[in-house]
C-alpha atoms as a PDB file:
ATOM      1  CA  MET A   1      53.590 153.314  79.220  1.00  0.00           C
ATOM      2  CA  PHE A   2      55.975 150.624  79.976  1.00  0.00           C
ATOM      3  CA  ASP A   3      59.326 149.936  78.478  1.00  0.00           C
ATOM      4  CA  LYS A   4      59.142 146.533  76.579  1.00  0.00           C
ATOM      5  CA  GLY A   5      62.732 146.162  76.921  1.00  0.00           C
ATOM      6  CA  ILE A   6      62.425 145.698  80.644  1.00  0.00           C
ATOM      7  CA  SER A   7      59.892 142.896  80.154  1.00  0.00           C
ATOM      8  CA  VAL A   8      62.230 140.992  77.743  1.00  0.00           C
ATOM      9  CA  THR A   9      65.247 141.522  79.789  1.00  0.00           C
ATOM     10  CA  SER A  10      63.231 140.015  82.909  1.00  0.00           C
ATOM     11  CA  ASN A  11      61.933 137.114  80.860  1.00  0.00           C
ATOM     12  CA  LEU A  12      65.543 136.185  79.487  1.00  0.00           C
ATOM     13  CA  TRP A  13      66.859 136.626  83.159  1.00  0.00           C
ATOM     14  CA  LEU A  14      64.174 134.282  84.388  1.00  0.00           C
ATOM     15  CA  LYS A  15      64.982 131.580  81.802  1.00  0.00           C
ATOM     16  CA  PHE A  16      68.617 131.943  82.670  1.00  0.00           C
ATOM     17  CA  ILE A  17      67.999 131.315  86.313  1.00  0.00           C
ATOM     18  CA  GLU A  18      65.696 128.307  85.449  1.00  0.00           C
ATOM     19  CA  ILE A  19      68.312 126.792  83.331  1.00  0.00           C
ATOM     20  CA  ILE A  20      71.282 126.943  85.823  1.00  0.00           C
ATOM     21  CA  ILE A  21      69.564 126.537  89.106  1.00  0.00           C
ATOM     22  CA  MET A  22      68.274 123.306  90.278  1.00  0.00           C
ATOM     23  CA  ASN A  23      65.601 122.483  92.711  1.00  0.00           C
ATOM     24  CA  ILE A  24      66.064 120.391  95.761  1.00  0.00           C
ATOM     25  CA  ILE A  25      63.334 118.174  94.774  1.00  0.00           C
ATOM     26  CA  ALA A  26      65.078 117.494  91.426  1.00  0.00           C
ATOM     27  CA  LYS A  27      68.248 116.645  93.131  1.00  0.00           C
ATOM     28  CA  GLU A  28      66.870 114.240  95.629  1.00  0.00           C
ATOM     29  CA  PHE A  29      64.688 112.584  92.928  1.00  0.00           C
ATOM     30  CA  ALA A  30      67.924 112.172  90.855  1.00  0.00           C
ATOM     31  CA  LYS A  31      69.791 110.565  93.831  1.00  0.00           C
ATOM     32  CA  ASN A  32      66.813 108.248  94.175  1.00  0.00           C
ATOM     33  CA  ILE A  33      66.788 107.026  90.703  1.00  0.00           C
ATOM     34  CA  LYS A  34      70.474 106.439  90.918  1.00  0.00           C
ATOM     35  CA  ASN A  35      70.435 104.491  94.162  1.00  0.00           C
ATOM     36  CA  GLN A  36      67.646 102.207  92.900  1.00  0.00           C
ATOM     37  CA  ARG A  37      69.357 101.796  89.569  1.00  0.00           C
ATOM     38  CA  VAL A  38      72.581 100.726  91.005  1.00  0.00           C
ATOM     39  CA  GLU A  39      71.075  98.549  93.722  1.00  0.00           C
ATOM     40  CA  LYS A  40      69.598  96.652  90.948  1.00  0.00           C
ATOM     41  CA  GLY A  41      72.681  96.447  88.982  1.00  0.00           C
ATOM     42  CA  ILE A  42      71.239  98.208  85.931  1.00  0.00           C
ATOM     43  CA  ALA A  43      73.418 100.493  83.643  1.00  0.00           C
ATOM     44  CA  GLN A  44      71.803 103.925  82.814  1.00  0.00           C
ATOM     45  CA  GLN A  45      71.761 103.014  79.163  1.00  0.00           C
ATOM     46  CA  LYS A  46      69.956  99.726  79.764  1.00  0.00           C
ATOM     47  CA  LEU A  47      67.415 101.445  82.049  1.00  0.00           C
ATOM     48  CA  SER A  48      66.823 104.008  79.234  1.00  0.00           C
ATOM     49  CA  LEU A  49      66.007 101.091  76.742  1.00  0.00           C
ATOM     50  CA  LEU A  50      63.978  99.417  79.154  1.00  0.00           C
ATOM     51  CA  CYS A  51      61.887 102.621  79.622  1.00  0.00           C
ATOM     52  CA  GLY A  52      61.795 103.324  75.906  1.00  0.00           C
ATOM     53  CA  PHE A  53      63.597 106.625  76.417  1.00  0.00           C
ATOM     54  CA  ASP A  54      66.511 108.245  74.703  1.00  0.00           C
ATOM     55  CA  LYS A  55      69.846 106.502  75.664  1.00  0.00           C
ATOM     56  CA  ASN A  56      71.031 109.653  77.345  1.00  0.00           C
ATOM     57  CA  TYR A  57      67.912 110.506  79.244  1.00  0.00           C
ATOM     58  CA  ILE A  58      68.385 108.601  82.504  1.00  0.00           C
ATOM     59  CA  GLY A  59      71.885 110.116  82.926  1.00  0.00           C
ATOM     60  CA  CYS A  60      70.267 113.485  82.633  1.00  0.00           C
ATOM     61  CA  LEU A  61      67.675 112.842  85.063  1.00  0.00           C
ATOM     62  CA  GLU A  62      70.423 111.535  87.541  1.00  0.00           C
ATOM     63  CA  ARG A  63      72.335 114.683  87.031  1.00  0.00           C
ATOM     64  CA  ALA A  64      69.015 116.613  87.802  1.00  0.00           C
ATOM     65  CA  GLN A  65      69.469 118.209  84.317  1.00  0.00           C
ATOM     66  CA  SER A  66      66.165 117.109  82.750  1.00  0.00           C
ATOM     67  CA  ARG A  67      62.521 117.434  84.178  1.00  0.00           C
ATOM     68  CA  VAL A  68      60.422 114.425  84.133  1.00  0.00           C
ATOM     69  CA  THR A  69      56.746 113.862  83.910  1.00  0.00           C
ATOM     70  CA  LEU A  70      54.670 112.023  86.326  1.00  0.00           C
ATOM     71  CA  GLU A  71      53.835 109.133  83.501  1.00  0.00           C
ATOM     72  CA  LYS A  72      57.614 108.673  83.238  1.00  0.00           C
ATOM     73  CA  VAL A  73      58.168 108.562  86.853  1.00  0.00           C
ATOM     74  CA  TYR A  74      55.869 105.614  86.737  1.00  0.00           C
ATOM     75  CA  ILE A  75      57.596 103.897  83.703  1.00  0.00           C
ATOM     76  CA  ILE A  76      60.941 104.316  85.594  1.00  0.00           C
ATOM     77  CA  ALA A  77      59.584 102.723  88.744  1.00  0.00           C
ATOM     78  CA  ALA A  78      58.241  99.788  86.897  1.00  0.00           C
ATOM     79  CA  ALA A  79      61.542  99.213  84.939  1.00  0.00           C
ATOM     80  CA  LEU A  80      63.171  99.303  88.275  1.00  0.00           C
ATOM     81  CA  ASP A  81      60.674  97.081  89.896  1.00  0.00           C
ATOM     82  CA  CYS A  82      60.080  99.419  92.839  1.00  0.00           C
ATOM     83  CA  SER A  83      57.386 101.914  94.066  1.00  0.00           C
ATOM     84  CA  VAL A  84      57.148 105.378  92.781  1.00  0.00           C
ATOM     85  CA  LEU A  85      57.497 106.416  96.272  1.00  0.00           C
ATOM     86  CA  ASP A  86      61.085 104.888  96.256  1.00  0.00           C
ATOM     87  CA  LEU A  87      61.882 107.440  93.701  1.00  0.00           C
ATOM     88  CA  LEU A  88      60.135 110.587  95.113  1.00  0.00           C
ATOM     89  CA  PRO A  89      61.783 112.585  97.842  1.00  0.00           C
ATOM     90  CA  LYS A  90      60.591 111.704 101.285  1.00  0.00           C
ATOM     91  CA  GLU A  91      58.013 114.121 102.507  1.00  0.00           C
ATOM     92  CA  ASN A  92      58.667 116.016 105.644  1.00  0.00           C
ATOM     93  CA  PRO A  93      56.243 118.656 106.580  1.00  0.00           C
ATOM     94  CA  ASN A  94      59.083 120.699 108.086  1.00  0.00           C
ATOM     95  CA  ARG A  95      61.126 120.571 104.991  1.00  0.00           C
ATOM     96  CA  ILE A  96      58.443 121.305 102.280  1.00  0.00           C
ATOM     97  CA  ALA A  97      59.158 124.937 102.102  1.00  0.00           C
ATOM     98  CA  ASN A  98      62.853 124.421 101.885  1.00  0.00           C
ATOM     99  CA  MET A  99      62.430 121.675  99.296  1.00  0.00           C
ATOM    100  CA  ILE A 100      60.714 123.938  96.804  1.00  0.00           C
ATOM    101  CA  LYS A 101      63.332 126.851  97.328  1.00  0.00           C
ATOM    102  CA  LEU A 102      65.792 126.970  94.470  1.00  0.00           C
ATOM    103  CA  ASP A 103      69.465 126.479  95.162  1.00  0.00           C
ATOM    104  CA  GLN A 104      71.751 129.532  94.810  1.00  0.00           C
ATOM    105  CA  PRO A 105      74.051 129.420  91.825  1.00  0.00           C
ATOM    106  CA  LYS A 106      77.692 128.281  92.612  1.00  0.00           C
ATOM    107  CA  SER A 107      80.031 131.406  92.043  1.00  0.00           C
END
């Protein structure tokens, strides 16, 4: 009935897009972590250690290269002595639709 090759190709293409395309929410979260960290005078590696994360994890988050769990957001907020809300992108009902759209790959 269906060509299985099309399904495999589509899945690979979607994975490829997921890897290279960053979400606006992830970028704003990354910026907020960095701003809080720099404001507190904490190095990336030190923050990773305070959180119990791999030494490179905070850098990956600040570049929006890694996804984060809700539990880790709370751990980071506690280590930075800030509110979770300080790390999350500011909610704006007029921007929600745009925030969840994926960026277009740079050519």
